N, C-alpha and C. Protein backbone atom coordinates (compact mmCIF):
# COMPACT_ATOMS: atom_id res chain seq x y z
N MET A 1 -86.77 117.54 82.60
CA MET A 1 -87.23 118.90 82.31
C MET A 1 -87.93 119.44 83.55
N ASN A 2 -87.55 120.64 83.96
CA ASN A 2 -88.24 121.20 85.12
C ASN A 2 -89.54 121.85 84.68
N SER A 3 -90.39 122.17 85.63
CA SER A 3 -91.73 122.67 85.32
C SER A 3 -91.72 124.07 84.72
N GLU A 4 -90.60 124.77 84.81
CA GLU A 4 -90.52 126.12 84.28
C GLU A 4 -89.86 126.17 82.90
N ALA A 5 -89.40 125.02 82.41
CA ALA A 5 -88.75 124.97 81.10
C ALA A 5 -89.80 125.00 80.00
N PHE A 6 -89.47 125.66 78.91
CA PHE A 6 -90.35 125.68 77.75
C PHE A 6 -90.26 124.34 77.03
N SER A 7 -91.33 123.95 76.36
CA SER A 7 -91.34 122.69 75.63
C SER A 7 -90.35 122.71 74.48
N SER A 8 -90.12 123.88 73.90
CA SER A 8 -89.08 124.04 72.88
C SER A 8 -88.50 125.44 73.02
N THR A 9 -87.22 125.52 72.80
CA THR A 9 -86.48 126.77 72.97
C THR A 9 -86.82 127.77 71.88
N LEU A 10 -86.84 129.04 72.27
CA LEU A 10 -87.00 130.13 71.32
C LEU A 10 -85.68 130.86 71.24
N PHE A 11 -85.41 131.45 70.08
CA PHE A 11 -84.21 132.24 69.90
C PHE A 11 -84.63 133.63 69.45
N VAL A 12 -84.03 134.64 70.07
CA VAL A 12 -84.36 136.03 69.74
C VAL A 12 -83.08 136.81 69.46
N LYS A 13 -83.21 137.79 68.59
CA LYS A 13 -82.08 138.68 68.30
C LYS A 13 -82.01 139.73 69.40
N ARG A 14 -80.91 139.75 70.10
CA ARG A 14 -80.71 140.71 71.17
C ARG A 14 -80.08 141.99 70.62
N ALA A 15 -79.28 141.82 69.60
CA ALA A 15 -78.63 142.93 68.89
C ALA A 15 -78.34 142.43 67.47
N ALA A 16 -77.71 143.26 66.68
CA ALA A 16 -77.48 142.90 65.28
C ALA A 16 -76.82 141.53 65.11
N CYS A 17 -75.85 141.21 65.91
CA CYS A 17 -75.13 139.94 65.76
C CYS A 17 -75.19 139.07 67.01
N ILE A 18 -76.17 139.30 67.87
CA ILE A 18 -76.29 138.53 69.11
C ILE A 18 -77.64 137.84 69.15
N VAL A 19 -77.61 136.51 69.27
CA VAL A 19 -78.83 135.72 69.39
C VAL A 19 -78.87 135.15 70.80
N GLN A 20 -80.02 135.28 71.44
CA GLN A 20 -80.18 134.78 72.81
C GLN A 20 -81.17 133.63 72.83
N GLU A 21 -80.85 132.61 73.59
CA GLU A 21 -81.70 131.45 73.77
C GLU A 21 -82.67 131.72 74.92
N ILE A 22 -83.96 131.48 74.67
CA ILE A 22 -85.00 131.60 75.69
C ILE A 22 -85.58 130.21 75.89
N ALA A 23 -85.18 129.55 76.97
CA ALA A 23 -85.56 128.16 77.19
C ALA A 23 -86.48 127.96 78.39
N SER A 24 -86.76 129.04 79.13
CA SER A 24 -87.55 128.87 80.36
C SER A 24 -88.27 130.17 80.72
N LEU A 25 -89.12 130.07 81.73
CA LEU A 25 -89.80 131.25 82.24
C LEU A 25 -88.79 132.29 82.73
N ALA A 26 -87.76 131.83 83.42
CA ALA A 26 -86.75 132.76 83.94
C ALA A 26 -86.07 133.52 82.81
N ASP A 27 -85.72 132.81 81.73
CA ASP A 27 -85.10 133.47 80.58
C ASP A 27 -86.04 134.52 79.99
N ALA A 28 -87.30 134.17 79.84
CA ALA A 28 -88.27 135.08 79.25
C ALA A 28 -88.50 136.31 80.13
N VAL A 29 -88.63 136.09 81.44
CA VAL A 29 -88.85 137.20 82.36
C VAL A 29 -87.64 138.13 82.35
N ASP A 30 -86.44 137.57 82.41
CA ASP A 30 -85.23 138.40 82.37
C ASP A 30 -85.18 139.24 81.10
N PHE A 31 -85.46 138.60 79.97
CA PHE A 31 -85.43 139.31 78.70
C PHE A 31 -86.45 140.43 78.68
N LEU A 32 -87.67 140.13 79.10
CA LEU A 32 -88.73 141.14 79.09
C LEU A 32 -88.45 142.28 80.06
N ASN A 33 -87.88 141.97 81.21
CA ASN A 33 -87.55 143.02 82.18
C ASN A 33 -86.42 143.92 81.69
N GLU A 34 -85.56 143.40 80.83
CA GLU A 34 -84.45 144.18 80.28
C GLU A 34 -84.84 144.94 79.02
N TRP A 35 -86.04 144.68 78.50
CA TRP A 35 -86.50 145.35 77.29
C TRP A 35 -86.59 146.85 77.55
N PRO A 36 -86.12 147.68 76.62
CA PRO A 36 -86.14 149.14 76.85
C PRO A 36 -87.54 149.66 77.17
N GLU A 37 -87.62 150.49 78.19
CA GLU A 37 -88.92 151.01 78.63
C GLU A 37 -89.64 151.78 77.54
N ASP A 38 -88.90 152.49 76.72
CA ASP A 38 -89.54 153.28 75.67
C ASP A 38 -90.08 152.42 74.52
N ARG A 39 -89.77 151.11 74.54
CA ARG A 39 -90.29 150.20 73.51
C ARG A 39 -91.37 149.25 74.06
N ARG A 40 -91.70 149.40 75.31
CA ARG A 40 -92.71 148.53 75.92
C ARG A 40 -94.11 148.97 75.50
N ASP A 41 -94.97 147.99 75.32
CA ASP A 41 -96.35 148.26 74.92
C ASP A 41 -97.26 147.21 75.54
N LEU A 42 -98.50 147.16 75.10
CA LEU A 42 -99.46 146.21 75.67
C LEU A 42 -99.05 144.75 75.43
N ILE A 43 -98.45 144.48 74.29
CA ILE A 43 -98.02 143.10 73.99
C ILE A 43 -96.89 142.69 74.93
N HIS A 44 -95.97 143.60 75.18
CA HIS A 44 -94.89 143.34 76.14
C HIS A 44 -95.48 143.08 77.52
N GLU A 45 -96.40 143.93 77.93
CA GLU A 45 -97.03 143.79 79.24
C GLU A 45 -97.78 142.46 79.36
N ALA A 46 -98.49 142.08 78.31
CA ALA A 46 -99.24 140.82 78.33
C ALA A 46 -98.29 139.61 78.42
N ALA A 47 -97.19 139.67 77.69
CA ALA A 47 -96.22 138.57 77.73
C ALA A 47 -95.60 138.45 79.11
N LEU A 48 -95.23 139.58 79.70
CA LEU A 48 -94.63 139.56 81.03
C LEU A 48 -95.63 139.05 82.07
N ARG A 49 -96.87 139.50 81.97
CA ARG A 49 -97.91 139.05 82.90
C ARG A 49 -98.15 137.54 82.75
N ALA A 50 -98.15 137.04 81.52
CA ALA A 50 -98.34 135.61 81.30
C ALA A 50 -97.21 134.80 81.94
N CYS A 51 -95.99 135.31 81.85
CA CYS A 51 -94.86 134.62 82.48
C CYS A 51 -94.99 134.60 83.99
N TYR A 52 -95.35 135.73 84.58
CA TYR A 52 -95.55 135.77 86.04
C TYR A 52 -96.71 134.88 86.47
N ASP A 53 -97.78 134.87 85.68
CA ASP A 53 -98.92 134.00 86.00
C ASP A 53 -98.52 132.53 85.94
N ALA A 54 -97.66 132.17 85.00
CA ALA A 54 -97.19 130.78 84.90
C ALA A 54 -96.31 130.44 86.11
N TYR A 55 -95.46 131.37 86.53
CA TYR A 55 -94.66 131.17 87.74
C TYR A 55 -95.54 130.88 88.94
N ASP A 56 -96.65 131.61 89.04
CA ASP A 56 -97.56 131.48 90.17
C ASP A 56 -98.53 130.31 90.03
N GLY A 57 -98.47 129.61 88.90
CA GLY A 57 -99.34 128.47 88.68
C GLY A 57 -100.73 128.81 88.20
N ARG A 58 -100.97 130.07 87.85
CA ARG A 58 -102.29 130.47 87.36
C ARG A 58 -102.47 130.21 85.87
N LYS A 59 -101.36 130.00 85.16
CA LYS A 59 -101.40 129.69 83.74
C LYS A 59 -100.37 128.60 83.48
N PRO A 60 -100.59 127.81 82.43
CA PRO A 60 -99.56 126.81 82.09
C PRO A 60 -98.34 127.49 81.47
N VAL A 61 -97.20 126.84 81.59
CA VAL A 61 -95.97 127.36 81.01
C VAL A 61 -96.13 127.55 79.51
N SER A 62 -96.89 126.68 78.87
CA SER A 62 -97.10 126.80 77.42
C SER A 62 -97.76 128.13 77.06
N ALA A 63 -98.64 128.64 77.91
CA ALA A 63 -99.29 129.94 77.65
C ALA A 63 -98.26 131.06 77.72
N ALA A 64 -97.33 130.97 78.66
CA ALA A 64 -96.27 131.98 78.77
C ALA A 64 -95.36 131.91 77.56
N ARG A 65 -95.01 130.70 77.13
CA ARG A 65 -94.16 130.56 75.94
C ARG A 65 -94.86 131.16 74.72
N ASN A 66 -96.14 130.86 74.57
CA ASN A 66 -96.89 131.39 73.43
C ASN A 66 -96.95 132.92 73.48
N ALA A 67 -97.12 133.47 74.67
CA ALA A 67 -97.17 134.93 74.81
C ALA A 67 -95.82 135.55 74.47
N PHE A 68 -94.73 134.92 74.93
CA PHE A 68 -93.40 135.43 74.60
C PHE A 68 -93.14 135.31 73.10
N PHE A 69 -93.54 134.20 72.52
CA PHE A 69 -93.40 134.00 71.07
C PHE A 69 -94.12 135.11 70.31
N GLY A 70 -95.35 135.41 70.71
CA GLY A 70 -96.11 136.47 70.07
C GLY A 70 -95.44 137.83 70.19
N PHE A 71 -94.91 138.11 71.37
CA PHE A 71 -94.18 139.36 71.58
C PHE A 71 -92.97 139.43 70.65
N ALA A 72 -92.16 138.37 70.65
CA ALA A 72 -90.94 138.35 69.84
C ALA A 72 -91.25 138.49 68.35
N LYS A 73 -92.30 137.84 67.93
CA LYS A 73 -92.69 137.93 66.52
C LYS A 73 -93.16 139.35 66.18
N ARG A 74 -93.93 139.94 67.08
CA ARG A 74 -94.48 141.28 66.85
C ARG A 74 -93.40 142.34 66.74
N VAL A 75 -92.36 142.21 67.56
CA VAL A 75 -91.28 143.21 67.53
C VAL A 75 -90.14 142.79 66.60
N ALA A 76 -90.37 141.73 65.84
CA ALA A 76 -89.44 141.26 64.79
C ALA A 76 -88.05 140.91 65.32
N ILE A 77 -88.01 140.19 66.45
CA ILE A 77 -86.73 139.74 66.99
C ILE A 77 -86.64 138.22 67.02
N LEU A 78 -87.68 137.54 66.57
CA LEU A 78 -87.70 136.09 66.58
C LEU A 78 -86.71 135.57 65.54
N GLU A 79 -85.86 134.66 65.96
CA GLU A 79 -84.85 134.08 65.07
C GLU A 79 -85.22 132.64 64.77
N ASP A 80 -85.04 132.23 63.55
CA ASP A 80 -85.30 130.85 63.14
C ASP A 80 -84.40 129.91 63.94
N ALA A 81 -84.99 128.88 64.52
CA ALA A 81 -84.24 127.96 65.38
C ALA A 81 -83.11 127.26 64.64
N THR A 82 -83.33 126.86 63.40
CA THR A 82 -82.31 126.16 62.63
C THR A 82 -81.11 127.08 62.39
N SER A 83 -81.36 128.30 62.00
CA SER A 83 -80.28 129.25 61.78
C SER A 83 -79.53 129.53 63.07
N ALA A 84 -80.26 129.69 64.15
CA ALA A 84 -79.64 129.98 65.44
C ALA A 84 -78.76 128.82 65.90
N MET A 85 -79.23 127.60 65.72
CA MET A 85 -78.45 126.44 66.14
C MET A 85 -77.17 126.31 65.32
N GLN A 86 -77.24 126.59 64.03
CA GLN A 86 -76.05 126.54 63.19
C GLN A 86 -75.05 127.61 63.63
N TRP A 87 -75.56 128.78 63.95
CA TRP A 87 -74.71 129.87 64.40
C TRP A 87 -74.03 129.51 65.72
N LEU A 88 -74.82 128.94 66.66
CA LEU A 88 -74.26 128.54 67.95
C LEU A 88 -73.20 127.45 67.80
N ALA A 89 -73.47 126.49 66.92
CA ALA A 89 -72.52 125.40 66.70
C ALA A 89 -71.21 125.94 66.13
N ALA A 90 -71.29 126.89 65.22
CA ALA A 90 -70.09 127.48 64.64
C ALA A 90 -69.29 128.23 65.71
N CYS A 91 -69.97 128.91 66.61
CA CYS A 91 -69.29 129.65 67.67
C CYS A 91 -68.60 128.70 68.65
N LYS A 92 -69.24 127.59 68.97
CA LYS A 92 -68.68 126.64 69.93
C LYS A 92 -67.50 125.87 69.34
N SER A 93 -67.46 125.69 68.02
CA SER A 93 -66.39 124.90 67.41
C SER A 93 -65.13 125.73 67.16
N GLY A 94 -65.25 127.03 67.28
CA GLY A 94 -64.08 127.90 67.05
C GLY A 94 -63.08 127.81 68.19
N THR A 95 -61.84 128.19 67.90
CA THR A 95 -60.80 128.13 68.92
C THR A 95 -60.73 129.42 69.72
N GLY A 96 -61.37 130.47 69.22
CA GLY A 96 -61.32 131.74 69.90
C GLY A 96 -60.13 132.59 69.48
N LYS A 97 -59.28 132.05 68.62
CA LYS A 97 -58.11 132.78 68.13
C LYS A 97 -58.46 133.53 66.86
N VAL A 98 -57.85 134.66 66.67
CA VAL A 98 -58.10 135.48 65.49
C VAL A 98 -57.02 135.24 64.47
């Protein structure tokens, strides 16, 4: 495990039928930077700052994960890990044919 990896992966709803895996600081920063500007608030800003602080070594990675978790929960995009893993497994086992 690298120093920027989260201790456990988070899953967030990116769209109605799209679930994204957030497993590291880089994943969290990318997601937060892509978040629509008109939906950003203090919780978004705090989560992004926590991730950058963890990159710089001023905060532990666990603090950044917790901040991202709080953001995702607040904006109601947090996906249950068990459901997400079942969904991912079903997608990977398919042949891709219709």
